[in-house]
Amino acid sequence: MDIDGQEIFEQKKEKLWEQMSRYARQDVAIAFSGGVDSSLLLKLACEAARENGTKVYAVTMETRLHPAGELKETKRIAREMGAVHLTIFVDELEGAGIMDNPVDRC
């Protein structure tokens, strides 16, 4: 990374930290899939919450289409980061027309 690229990266990193610190002044919820993006946001939220004495809730959607092992992994990651892990069950096969799976669905 060149000097300008490094400087831009540092500015963006600082801006993200400042924003997360503002959010974490009160309890905050992060939509948490367990992927790289939501894991980064959860990590920053937990660090900022520790500084503010607030709680972070990692909220994961539990569905019939996702492997159960992924849910176990999100629970483990959230716990290790210090977040309260919550799951919301959604039965996506119930009504959204997914079962029909027409050829023009996309």
PDB file of N, CA and C in Angstrom:
ATOM      1  N   MET A   1       0.852  -1.173   0.000  1.00  0.00           N
ATOM      2  CA  MET A   1       0.000   0.000   0.000  1.00  0.00           C
ATOM      3  C   MET A   1       0.897   1.234   0.000  1.00  0.00           C
ATOM      4  N   ASP A   2       0.619   2.178  -0.894  1.00  0.00           N
ATOM      5  CA  ASP A   2       1.438   3.388  -0.946  1.00  0.00           C
ATOM      6  C   ASP A   2       1.065   4.324   0.209  1.00  0.00           C
ATOM      7  N   ILE A   3       1.810   5.413   0.344  1.00  0.00           N
ATOM      8  CA  ILE A   3       1.612   6.367   1.442  1.00  0.00           C
ATOM      9  C   ILE A   3       0.196   6.931   1.422  1.00  0.00           C
ATOM     10  N   ASP A   4      -0.278   7.364   0.263  1.00  0.00           N
ATOM     11  CA  ASP A   4      -1.623   7.922   0.172  1.00  0.00           C
ATOM     12  C   ASP A   4      -2.674   6.873   0.526  1.00  0.00           C
ATOM     13  N   GLY A   5      -2.479   5.652   0.036  1.00  0.00           N
ATOM     14  CA  GLY A   5      -3.411   4.575   0.349  1.00  0.00           C
ATOM     15  C   GLY A   5      -3.434   4.283   1.839  1.00  0.00           C
ATOM     16  N   GLN A   6      -2.276   4.271   2.474  1.00  0.00           N
ATOM     17  CA  GLN A   6      -2.189   4.029   3.914  1.00  0.00           C
ATOM     18  C   GLN A   6      -2.881   5.146   4.684  1.00  0.00           C
ATOM     19  N   GLU A   7      -2.686   6.371   4.233  1.00  0.00           N
ATOM     20  CA  GLU A   7      -3.312   7.515   4.901  1.00  0.00           C
ATOM     21  C   GLU A   7      -4.840   7.437   4.785  1.00  0.00           C
ATOM     22  N   ILE A   8      -5.329   7.093   3.623  1.00  0.00           N
ATOM     23  CA  ILE A   8      -6.776   6.957   3.414  1.00  0.00           C
ATOM     24  C   ILE A   8      -7.319   5.838   4.294  1.00  0.00           C
ATOM     25  N   PHE A   9      -6.606   4.714   4.342  1.00  0.00           N
ATOM     26  CA  PHE A   9      -7.014   3.591   5.194  1.00  0.00           C
ATOM     27  C   PHE A   9      -7.111   4.033   6.649  1.00  0.00           C
ATOM     28  N   GLU A  10      -6.112   4.729   7.145  1.00  0.00           N
ATOM     29  CA  GLU A  10      -6.099   5.177   8.541  1.00  0.00           C
ATOM     30  C   GLU A  10      -7.257   6.136   8.816  1.00  0.00           C
ATOM     31  N   GLN A  11      -7.544   7.020   7.869  1.00  0.00           N
ATOM     32  CA  GLN A  11      -8.661   7.959   8.040  1.00  0.00           C
ATOM     33  C   GLN A  11      -9.992   7.215   8.122  1.00  0.00           C
ATOM     34  N   LYS A  12     -10.161   6.234   7.242  1.00  0.00           N
ATOM     35  CA  LYS A  12     -11.408   5.467   7.241  1.00  0.00           C
ATOM     36  C   LYS A  12     -11.539   4.628   8.504  1.00  0.00           C
ATOM     37  N   LYS A  13     -10.440   4.058   8.940  1.00  0.00           N
ATOM     38  CA  LYS A  13     -10.443   3.268  10.168  1.00  0.00           C
ATOM     39  C   LYS A  13     -10.830   4.143  11.362  1.00  0.00           C
ATOM     40  N   GLU A  14     -10.265   5.321  11.437  1.00  0.00           N
ATOM     41  CA  GLU A  14     -10.571   6.251  12.524  1.00  0.00           C
ATOM     42  C   GLU A  14     -12.036   6.685  12.476  1.00  0.00           C
ATOM     43  N   LYS A  15     -12.541   6.952  11.292  1.00  0.00           N
ATOM     44  CA  LYS A  15     -13.939   7.367  11.142  1.00  0.00           C
ATOM     45  C   LYS A  15     -14.881   6.245  11.589  1.00  0.00           C
ATOM     46  N   LEU A  16     -14.572   5.005  11.218  1.00  0.00           N
ATOM     47  CA  LEU A  16     -15.385   3.861  11.628  1.00  0.00           C
ATOM     48  C   LEU A  16     -15.360   3.708  13.141  1.00  0.00           C
ATOM     49  N   TRP A  17     -14.191   3.842  13.752  1.00  0.00           N
ATOM     50  CA  TRP A  17     -14.077   3.715  15.206  1.00  0.00           C
ATOM     51  C   TRP A  17     -14.882   4.819  15.902  1.00  0.00           C
ATOM     52  N   GLU A  18     -14.788   6.049  15.418  1.00  0.00           N
ATOM     53  CA  GLU A  18     -15.537   7.155  16.017  1.00  0.00           C
ATOM     54  C   GLU A  18     -17.039   6.904  15.941  1.00  0.00           C
ATOM     55  N   GLN A  19     -17.500   6.423  14.800  1.00  0.00           N
ATOM     56  CA  GLN A  19     -18.928   6.152  14.636  1.00  0.00           C
ATOM     57  C   GLN A  19     -19.379   5.035  15.568  1.00  0.00           C
ATOM     58  N   MET A  20     -18.608   3.962  15.641  1.00  0.00           N
ATOM     59  CA  MET A  20     -18.978   2.853  16.508  1.00  0.00           C
ATOM     60  C   MET A  20     -18.952   3.289  17.970  1.00  0.00           C
ATOM     61  N   SER A  21     -18.019   4.121  18.342  1.00  0.00           N
ATOM     62  CA  SER A  21     -17.956   4.629  19.713  1.00  0.00           C
ATOM     63  C   SER A  21     -19.201   5.442  20.056  1.00  0.00           C
ATOM     64  N   ARG A  22     -19.691   6.197  19.088  1.00  0.00           N
ATOM     65  CA  ARG A  22     -20.935   6.951  19.313  1.00  0.00           C
ATOM     66  C   ARG A  22     -22.118   6.001  19.506  1.00  0.00           C
ATOM     67  N   TYR A  23     -22.209   5.000  18.649  1.00  0.00           N
ATOM     68  CA  TYR A  23     -23.307   4.034  18.773  1.00  0.00           C
ATOM     69  C   TYR A  23     -23.259   3.331  20.127  1.00  0.00           C
ATOM     70  N   ALA A  24     -22.075   2.985  20.580  1.00  0.00           N
ATOM     71  CA  ALA A  24     -21.916   2.169  21.787  1.00  0.00           C
ATOM     72  C   ALA A  24     -22.048   2.974  23.076  1.00  0.00           C
ATOM     73  N   ARG A  25     -22.426   4.226  22.988  1.00  0.00           N
ATOM     74  CA  ARG A  25     -22.714   4.984  24.205  1.00  0.00           C
ATOM     75  C   ARG A  25     -23.962   4.452  24.898  1.00  0.00           C
ATOM     76  N   GLN A  26     -24.741   3.713  24.135  1.00  0.00           N
ATOM     77  CA  GLN A  26     -25.892   3.000  24.689  1.00  0.00           C
ATOM     78  C   GLN A  26     -25.828   1.569  24.170  1.00  0.00           C
ATOM     79  N   ASP A  27     -26.647   0.691  24.716  1.00  0.00           N
ATOM     80  CA  ASP A  27     -26.646  -0.686  24.235  1.00  0.00           C
ATOM     81  C   ASP A  27     -26.895  -0.680  22.728  1.00  0.00           C
ATOM     82  N   VAL A  28     -26.229  -1.608  22.036  1.00  0.00           N
ATOM     83  CA  VAL A  28     -26.305  -1.624  20.577  1.00  0.00           C
ATOM     84  C   VAL A  28     -26.516  -3.056  20.083  1.00  0.00           C
ATOM     85  N   ALA A  29     -27.243  -3.178  18.974  1.00  0.00           N
ATOM     86  CA  ALA A  29     -27.456  -4.481  18.340  1.00  0.00           C
ATOM     87  C   ALA A  29     -26.760  -4.480  16.987  1.00  0.00           C
ATOM     88  N   ILE A  30     -26.076  -5.583  16.694  1.00  0.00           N
ATOM     89  CA  ILE A  30     -25.393  -5.771  15.419  1.00  0.00           C
ATOM     90  C   ILE A  30     -26.009  -6.983  14.734  1.00  0.00           C
ATOM     91  N   ALA A  31     -26.448  -6.815  13.494  1.00  0.00           N
ATOM     92  CA  ALA A  31     -26.896  -7.964  12.705  1.00  0.00           C
ATOM     93  C   ALA A  31     -25.653  -8.796  12.428  1.00  0.00           C
ATOM     94  N   PHE A  32     -25.635 -10.022  12.940  1.00  0.00           N
ATOM     95  CA  PHE A  32     -24.406 -10.806  12.937  1.00  0.00           C
ATOM     96  C   PHE A  32     -24.579 -12.128  12.215  1.00  0.00           C
ATOM     97  N   SER A  33     -23.959 -12.238  11.048  1.00  0.00           N
ATOM     98  CA  SER A  33     -24.017 -13.474  10.260  1.00  0.00           C
ATOM     99  C   SER A  33     -22.858 -14.413  10.581  1.00  0.00           C
ATOM    100  N   GLY A  34     -21.802 -13.869  11.175  1.00  0.00           N
ATOM    101  CA  GLY A  34     -20.598 -14.649  11.421  1.00  0.00           C
ATOM    102  C   GLY A  34     -19.564 -14.473  10.326  1.00  0.00           C
ATOM    103  N   GLY A  35     -19.912 -13.720   9.290  1.00  0.00           N
ATOM    104  CA  GLY A  35     -18.973 -13.446   8.209  1.00  0.00           C
ATOM    105  C   GLY A  35     -17.966 -12.375   8.592  1.00  0.00           C
ATOM    106  N   VAL A  36     -17.078 -12.090   7.684  1.00  0.00           N
ATOM    107  CA  VAL A  36     -15.985 -11.149   7.955  1.00  0.00           C
ATOM    108  C   VAL A  36     -16.509  -9.750   8.274  1.00  0.00           C
ATOM    109  N   ASP A  37     -17.443  -9.253   7.488  1.00  0.00           N
ATOM    110  CA  ASP A  37     -17.931  -7.881   7.687  1.00  0.00           C
ATOM    111  C   ASP A  37     -18.622  -7.708   9.039  1.00  0.00           C
ATOM    112  N   SER A  38     -19.576  -8.602   9.324  1.00  0.00           N
ATOM    113  CA  SER A  38     -20.305  -8.445  10.586  1.00  0.00           C
ATOM    114  C   SER A  38     -19.414  -8.782  11.783  1.00  0.00           C
ATOM    115  N   SER A  39     -18.416  -9.637  11.595  1.00  0.00           N
ATOM    116  CA  SER A  39     -17.478  -9.934  12.683  1.00  0.00           C
ATOM    117  C   SER A  39     -16.630  -8.709  13.020  1.00  0.00           C
ATOM    118  N   LEU A  40     -16.203  -7.988  12.003  1.00  0.00           N
ATOM    119  CA  LEU A  40     -15.440  -6.755  12.246  1.00  0.00           C
ATOM    120  C   LEU A  40     -16.291  -5.749  13.000  1.00  0.00           C
ATOM    121  N   LEU A  41     -17.530  -5.542  12.549  1.00  0.00           N
ATOM    122  CA  LEU A  41     -18.408  -4.586  13.227  1.00  0.00           C
ATOM    123  C   LEU A  41     -18.694  -5.022  14.660  1.00  0.00           C
ATOM    124  N   LEU A  42     -18.901  -6.317  14.867  1.00  0.00           N
ATOM    125  CA  LEU A  42     -19.150  -6.810  16.216  1.00  0.00           C
ATOM    126  C   LEU A  42     -17.936  -6.592  17.111  1.00  0.00           C
ATOM    127  N   LYS A  43     -16.758  -6.853  16.597  1.00  0.00           N
ATOM    128  CA  LYS A  43     -15.528  -6.654  17.377  1.00  0.00           C
ATOM    129  C   LYS A  43     -15.382  -5.191  17.797  1.00  0.00           C
ATOM    130  N   LEU A  44     -15.584  -4.282  16.855  1.00  0.00           N
ATOM    131  CA  LEU A  44     -15.475  -2.854  17.175  1.00  0.00           C
ATOM    132  C   LEU A  44     -16.548  -2.426  18.165  1.00  0.00           C
ATOM    133  N   ALA A  45     -17.765  -2.926  17.972  1.00  0.00           N
ATOM    134  CA  ALA A  45     -18.854  -2.576  18.889  1.00  0.00           C
ATOM    135  C   ALA A  45     -18.543  -3.056  20.302  1.00  0.00           C
ATOM    136  N   CYS A  46     -18.028  -4.276  20.426  1.00  0.00           N
ATOM    137  CA  CYS A  46     -17.695  -4.817  21.748  1.00  0.00           C
ATOM    138  C   CYS A  46     -16.575  -4.025  22.417  1.00  0.00           C
ATOM    139  N   GLU A  47     -15.573  -3.641  21.645  1.00  0.00           N
ATOM    140  CA  GLU A  47     -14.479  -2.836  22.204  1.00  0.00           C
ATOM    141  C   GLU A  47     -15.001  -1.485  22.680  1.00  0.00           C
ATOM    142  N   ALA A  48     -15.829  -0.841  21.871  1.00  0.00           N
ATOM    143  CA  ALA A  48     -16.384   0.468  22.234  1.00  0.00           C
ATOM    144  C   ALA A  48     -17.331   0.334  23.431  1.00  0.00           C
ATOM    145  N   ALA A  49     -18.110  -0.733  23.469  1.00  0.00           N
ATOM    146  CA  ALA A  49     -19.045  -0.938  24.583  1.00  0.00           C
ATOM    147  C   ALA A  49     -18.305  -1.142  25.897  1.00  0.00           C
ATOM    148  N   ARG A  50     -17.176  -1.838  25.850  1.00  0.00           N
ATOM    149  CA  ARG A  50     -16.385  -2.018  27.077  1.00  0.00           C
ATOM    150  C   ARG A  50     -15.936  -0.664  27.620  1.00  0.00           C
ATOM    151  N   GLU A  51     -15.571   0.225  26.736  1.00  0.00           N
ATOM    152  CA  GLU A  51     -15.149   1.568  27.168  1.00  0.00           C
ATOM    153  C   GLU A  51     -16.310   2.359  27.760  1.00  0.00           C
ATOM    154  N   ASN A  52     -17.524   2.093  27.281  1.00  0.00           N
ATOM    155  CA  ASN A  52     -18.701   2.846  27.710  1.00  0.00           C
ATOM    156  C   ASN A  52     -19.538   2.138  28.771  1.00  0.00           C
ATOM    157  N   GLY A  53     -19.208   0.887  29.077  1.00  0.00           N
ATOM    158  CA  GLY A  53     -19.985   0.139  30.057  1.00  0.00           C
ATOM    159  C   GLY A  53     -21.378  -0.228  29.558  1.00  0.00           C
ATOM    160  N   THR A  54     -21.504  -0.463  28.255  1.00  0.00           N
ATOM    161  CA  THR A  54     -22.786  -0.815  27.656  1.00  0.00           C
ATOM    162  C   THR A  54     -22.739  -2.243  27.129  1.00  0.00           C
ATOM    163  N   LYS A  55     -23.870  -2.724  26.629  1.00  0.00           N
ATOM    164  CA  LYS A  55     -23.962  -4.088  26.115  1.00  0.00           C
ATOM    165  C   LYS A  55     -24.055  -4.083  24.592  1.00  0.00           C
ATOM    166  N   VAL A  56     -23.583  -5.190  24.016  1.00  0.00           N
ATOM    167  CA  VAL A  56     -23.715  -5.415  22.578  1.00  0.00           C
ATOM    168  C   VAL A  56     -24.504  -6.706  22.394  1.00  0.00           C
ATOM    169  N   TYR A  57     -25.507  -6.630  21.539  1.00  0.00           N
ATOM    170  CA  TYR A  57     -26.313  -7.795  21.191  1.00  0.00           C
ATOM    171  C   TYR A  57     -25.981  -8.185  19.752  1.00  0.00           C
ATOM    172  N   ALA A  58     -25.505  -9.401  19.584  1.00  0.00           N
ATOM    173  CA  ALA A  58     -25.231  -9.942  18.253  1.00  0.00           C
ATOM    174  C   ALA A  58     -26.477 -10.717  17.844  1.00  0.00           C
ATOM    175  N   VAL A  59     -27.167 -10.243  16.817  1.00  0.00           N
ATOM    176  CA  VAL A  59     -28.441 -10.835  16.417  1.00  0.00           C
ATOM    177  C   VAL A  59     -28.260 -11.609  15.115  1.00  0.00           C
ATOM    178  N   THR A  60     -28.554 -12.910  15.192  1.00  0.00           N
ATOM    179  CA  THR A  60     -28.389 -13.796  14.047  1.00  0.00           C
ATOM    180  C   THR A  60     -29.743 -14.369  13.651  1.00  0.00           C
ATOM    181  N   MET A  61     -30.009 -14.367  12.365  1.00  0.00           N
ATOM    182  CA  MET A  61     -31.227 -14.983  11.851  1.00  0.00           C
ATOM    183  C   MET A  61     -30.998 -16.493  11.753  1.00  0.00           C
ATOM    184  N   GLU A  62     -31.883 -17.250  12.369  1.00  0.00           N
ATOM    185  CA  GLU A  62     -31.826 -18.705  12.273  1.00  0.00           C
ATOM    186  C   GLU A  62     -32.890 -19.129  11.269  1.00  0.00           C
ATOM    187  N   THR A  63     -32.472 -19.847  10.240  1.00  0.00           N
ATOM    188  CA  THR A  63     -33.402 -20.239   9.194  1.00  0.00           C
ATOM    189  C   THR A  63     -33.255 -21.731   8.901  1.00  0.00           C
ATOM    190  N   ARG A  64     -34.224 -22.253   8.199  1.00  0.00           N
ATOM    191  CA  ARG A  64     -34.173 -23.667   7.828  1.00  0.00           C
ATOM    192  C   ARG A  64     -33.173 -23.917   6.705  1.00  0.00           C
ATOM    193  N   LEU A  65     -32.771 -22.871   5.997  1.00  0.00           N
ATOM    194  CA  LEU A  65     -31.871 -23.045   4.855  1.00  0.00           C
ATOM    195  C   LEU A  65     -30.394 -22.946   5.216  1.00  0.00           C
ATOM    196  N   HIS A  66     -30.080 -22.551   6.447  1.00  0.00           N
ATOM    197  CA  HIS A  66     -28.683 -22.426   6.858  1.00  0.00           C
ATOM    198  C   HIS A  66     -28.284 -23.611   7.731  1.00  0.00           C
ATOM    199  N   PRO A  67     -27.095 -24.116   7.553  1.00  0.00           N
ATOM    200  CA  PRO A  67     -26.627 -25.251   8.367  1.00  0.00           C
ATOM    201  C   PRO A  67     -26.562 -24.897   9.855  1.00  0.00           C
ATOM    202  N   ALA A  68     -26.964 -25.831  10.701  1.00  0.00           N
ATOM    203  CA  ALA A  68     -26.957 -25.616  12.152  1.00  0.00           C
ATOM    204  C   ALA A  68     -25.552 -25.317  12.659  1.00  0.00           C
ATOM    205  N   GLY A  69     -24.539 -25.861  12.019  1.00  0.00           N
ATOM    206  CA  GLY A  69     -23.162 -25.615  12.440  1.00  0.00           C
ATOM    207  C   GLY A  69     -22.772 -24.151  12.364  1.00  0.00           C
ATOM    208  N   GLU A  70     -23.335 -23.440  11.394  1.00  0.00           N
ATOM    209  CA  GLU A  70     -23.049 -22.010  11.280  1.00  0.00           C
ATOM    210  C   GLU A  70     -23.590 -21.252  12.482  1.00  0.00           C
ATOM    211  N   LEU A  71     -24.758 -21.646  12.961  1.00  0.00           N
ATOM    212  CA  LEU A  71     -25.344 -20.991  14.124  1.00  0.00           C
ATOM    213  C   LEU A  71     -24.481 -21.228  15.369  1.00  0.00           C
ATOM    214  N   LYS A  72     -23.970 -22.436  15.518  1.00  0.00           N
ATOM    215  CA  LYS A  72     -23.083 -22.728  16.644  1.00  0.00           C
ATOM    216  C   LYS A  72     -21.836 -21.847  16.588  1.00  0.00           C
ATOM    217  N   GLU A  73     -21.328 -21.655  15.385  1.00  0.00           N
ATOM    218  CA  GLU A  73     -20.129 -20.833  15.208  1.00  0.00           C
ATOM    219  C   GLU A  73     -20.403 -19.368  15.549  1.00  0.00           C
ATOM    220  N   THR A  74     -21.560 -18.833  15.129  1.00  0.00           N
ATOM    221  CA  THR A  74     -21.873 -17.440  15.463  1.00  0.00           C
ATOM    222  C   THR A  74     -22.018 -17.272  16.969  1.00  0.00           C
ATOM    223  N   LYS A  75     -22.605 -18.260  17.645  1.00  0.00           N
ATOM    224  CA  LYS A  75     -22.726 -18.192  19.107  1.00  0.00           C
ATOM    225  C   LYS A  75     -21.351 -18.147  19.753  1.00  0.00           C
ATOM    226  N   ARG A  76     -20.449 -19.002  19.274  1.00  0.00           N
ATOM    227  CA  ARG A  76     -19.099 -19.062  19.845  1.00  0.00           C
ATOM    228  C   ARG A  76     -18.362 -17.738  19.630  1.00  0.00           C
ATOM    229  N   ILE A  77     -18.411 -17.231  18.416  1.00  0.00           N
ATOM    230  CA  ILE A  77     -17.708 -15.980  18.106  1.00  0.00           C
ATOM    231  C   ILE A  77     -18.255 -14.832  18.938  1.00  0.00           C
ATOM    232  N   ALA A  78     -19.572 -14.718  19.006  1.00  0.00           N
ATOM    233  CA  ALA A  78     -20.188 -13.631  19.777  1.00  0.00           C
ATOM    234  C   ALA A  78     -19.776 -13.709  21.243  1.00  0.00           C
ATOM    235  N   ARG A  79     -19.813 -14.905  21.805  1.00  0.00           N
ATOM    236  CA  ARG A  79     -19.430 -15.099  23.211  1.00  0.00           C
ATOM    237  C   ARG A  79     -17.975 -14.691  23.432  1.00  0.00           C
ATOM    238  N   GLU A  80     -17.083 -15.131  22.526  1.00  0.00           N
ATOM    239  CA  GLU A  80     -15.664 -14.796  22.682  1.00  0.00           C
ATOM    240  C   GLU A  80     -15.420 -13.294  22.592  1.00  0.00           C
ATOM    241  N   MET A  81     -16.228 -12.592  21.825  1.00  0.00           N
ATOM    242  CA  MET A  81     -16.050 -11.145  21.697  1.00  0.00           C
ATOM    243  C   MET A  81     -16.700 -10.379  22.840  1.00  0.00           C
ATOM    244  N   GLY A  82     -17.554 -11.057  23.602  1.00  0.00           N
ATOM    245  CA  GLY A  82     -18.193 -10.412  24.742  1.00  0.00           C
ATOM    246  C   GLY A  82     -19.590  -9.891  24.461  1.00  0.00           C
ATOM    247  N   ALA A  83     -20.208 -10.353  23.392  1.00  0.00           N
ATOM    248  CA  ALA A  83     -21.557  -9.911  23.051  1.00  0.00           C
ATOM    249  C   ALA A  83     -22.591 -10.899  23.575  1.00  0.00           C
ATOM    250  N   VAL A  84     -23.787 -10.408  23.765  1.00  0.00           N
ATOM    251  CA  VAL A  84     -24.931 -11.254  24.078  1.00  0.00           C
ATOM    252  C   VAL A  84     -25.474 -11.722  22.732  1.00  0.00           C
ATOM    253  N   HIS A  85     -25.541 -13.034  22.541  1.00  0.00           N
ATOM    254  CA  HIS A  85     -25.990 -13.552  21.245  1.00  0.00           C
ATOM    255  C   HIS A  85     -27.477 -13.878  21.292  1.00  0.00           C
ATOM    256  N   LEU A  86     -28.206 -13.346  20.327  1.00  0.00           N
ATOM    257  CA  LEU A  86     -29.630 -13.603  20.199  1.00  0.00           C
ATOM    258  C   LEU A  86     -29.895 -14.172  18.814  1.00  0.00           C
ATOM    259  N   THR A  87     -30.846 -15.085  18.734  1.00  0.00           N
ATOM    260  CA  THR A  87     -31.234 -15.602  17.426  1.00  0.00           C
ATOM    261  C   THR A  87     -32.715 -15.324  17.209  1.00  0.00           C
ATOM    262  N   ILE A  88     -33.051 -15.061  15.974  1.00  0.00           N
ATOM    263  CA  ILE A  88     -34.438 -14.872  15.568  1.00  0.00           C
ATOM    264  C   ILE A  88     -34.718 -15.928  14.514  1.00  0.00           C
ATOM    265  N   PHE A  89     -35.687 -16.800  14.816  1.00  0.00           N
ATOM    266  CA  PHE A  89     -36.016 -17.845  13.861  1.00  0.00           C
ATOM    267  C   PHE A  89     -36.948 -17.287  12.794  1.00  0.00           C
ATOM    268  N   VAL A  90     -36.599 -17.534  11.552  1.00  0.00           N
ATOM    269  CA  VAL A  90     -37.419 -17.141  10.420  1.00  0.00           C
ATOM    270  C   VAL A  90     -37.596 -18.373   9.545  1.00  0.00           C
ATOM    271  N   ASP A  91     -38.854 -18.726   9.293  1.00  0.00           N
ATOM    272  CA  ASP A  91     -39.115 -19.855   8.399  1.00  0.00           C
ATOM    273  C   ASP A  91     -39.357 -19.290   7.005  1.00  0.00           C
ATOM    274  N   GLU A  92     -38.279 -19.158   6.262  1.00  0.00           N
ATOM    275  CA  GLU A  92     -38.365 -18.553   4.936  1.00  0.00           C
ATOM    276  C   GLU A  92     -39.119 -19.407   3.933  1.00  0.00           C
ATOM    277  N   LEU A  93     -39.357 -20.656   4.281  1.00  0.00           N
ATOM    278  CA  LEU A  93     -40.125 -21.532   3.388  1.00  0.00           C
ATOM    279  C   LEU A  93     -41.631 -21.388   3.616  1.00  0.00           C
ATOM    280  N   GLU A  94     -41.994 -20.672   4.656  1.00  0.00           N
ATOM    281  CA  GLU A  94     -43.392 -20.561   5.054  1.00  0.00           C
ATOM    282  C   GLU A  94     -44.259 -19.781   4.069  1.00  0.00           C
ATOM    283  N   GLY A  95     -43.787 -18.651   3.541  1.00  0.00           N
ATOM    284  CA  GLY A  95     -44.716 -17.883   2.745  1.00  0.00           C
ATOM    285  C   GLY A  95     -44.152 -17.039   1.629  1.00  0.00           C
ATOM    286  N   ALA A  96     -42.878 -16.911   1.541  1.00  0.00           N
ATOM    287  CA  ALA A  96     -42.294 -15.956   0.605  1.00  0.00           C
ATOM    288  C   ALA A  96     -42.249 -16.444  -0.835  1.00  0.00           C
ATOM    289  N   GLY A  97     -42.835 -17.579  -1.123  1.00  0.00           N
ATOM    290  CA  GLY A  97     -42.804 -18.086  -2.482  1.00  0.00           C
ATOM    291  C   GLY A  97     -41.529 -18.817  -2.833  1.00  0.00           C
ATOM    292  N   ILE A  98     -40.663 -19.041  -1.863  1.00  0.00           N
ATOM    293  CA  ILE A  98     -39.399 -19.719  -2.117  1.00  0.00           C
ATOM    294  C   ILE A  98     -39.625 -21.150  -2.586  1.00  0.00           C
ATOM    295  N   MET A  99     -40.635 -21.801  -2.024  1.00  0.00           N
ATOM    296  CA  MET A  99     -40.898 -23.191  -2.394  1.00  0.00           C
ATOM    297  C   MET A  99     -41.276 -23.330  -3.875  1.00  0.00           C
ATOM    298  N   ASP A 100     -41.882 -22.273  -4.442  1.00  0.00           N
ATOM    299  CA  ASP A 100     -42.258 -22.304  -5.852  1.00  0.00           C
ATOM    300  C   ASP A 100     -41.034 -22.316  -6.758  1.00  0.00           C
ATOM    301  N   ASN A 101     -40.043 -21.469  -6.408  1.00  0.00           N
ATOM    302  CA  ASN A 101     -38.778 -21.363  -7.134  1.00  0.00           C
ATOM    303  C   ASN A 101     -38.975 -21.252  -8.657  1.00  0.00           C
ATOM    304  N   PRO A 102     -39.710 -20.208  -9.110  1.00  0.00           N
ATOM    305  CA  PRO A 102     -39.930 -20.039 -10.543  1.00  0.00           C
ATOM    306  C   PRO A 102     -38.628 -19.722 -11.278  1.00  0.00           C
ATOM    307  N   VAL A 103     -38.594 -19.975 -12.562  1.00  0.00           N
ATOM    308  CA  VAL A 103     -37.380 -19.751 -13.349  1.00  0.00           C
ATOM    309  C   VAL A 103     -37.013 -18.277 -13.439  1.00  0.00           C
ATOM    310  N   ASP A 104     -37.983 -17.380 -13.266  1.00  0.00           N
ATOM    311  CA  ASP A 104     -37.725 -15.935 -13.359  1.00  0.00           C
ATOM    312  C   ASP A 104     -37.571 -15.277 -11.996  1.00  0.00           C
ATOM    313  N   ARG A 105     -37.225 -16.045 -10.966  1.00  0.00           N
ATOM    314  CA  ARG A 105     -37.183 -15.514  -9.604  1.00  0.00           C
ATOM    315  C   ARG A 105     -36.115 -14.460  -9.394  1.00  0.00           C
ATOM    316  N   CYS A 106     -35.074 -14.464 -10.183  1.00  0.00           N
ATOM    317  CA  CYS A 106     -34.007 -13.495 -10.002  1.00  0.00           C
ATOM    318  C   CYS A 106     -34.099 -12.388 -11.022  1.00  0.00           C
TER     319      CYS A 106
END
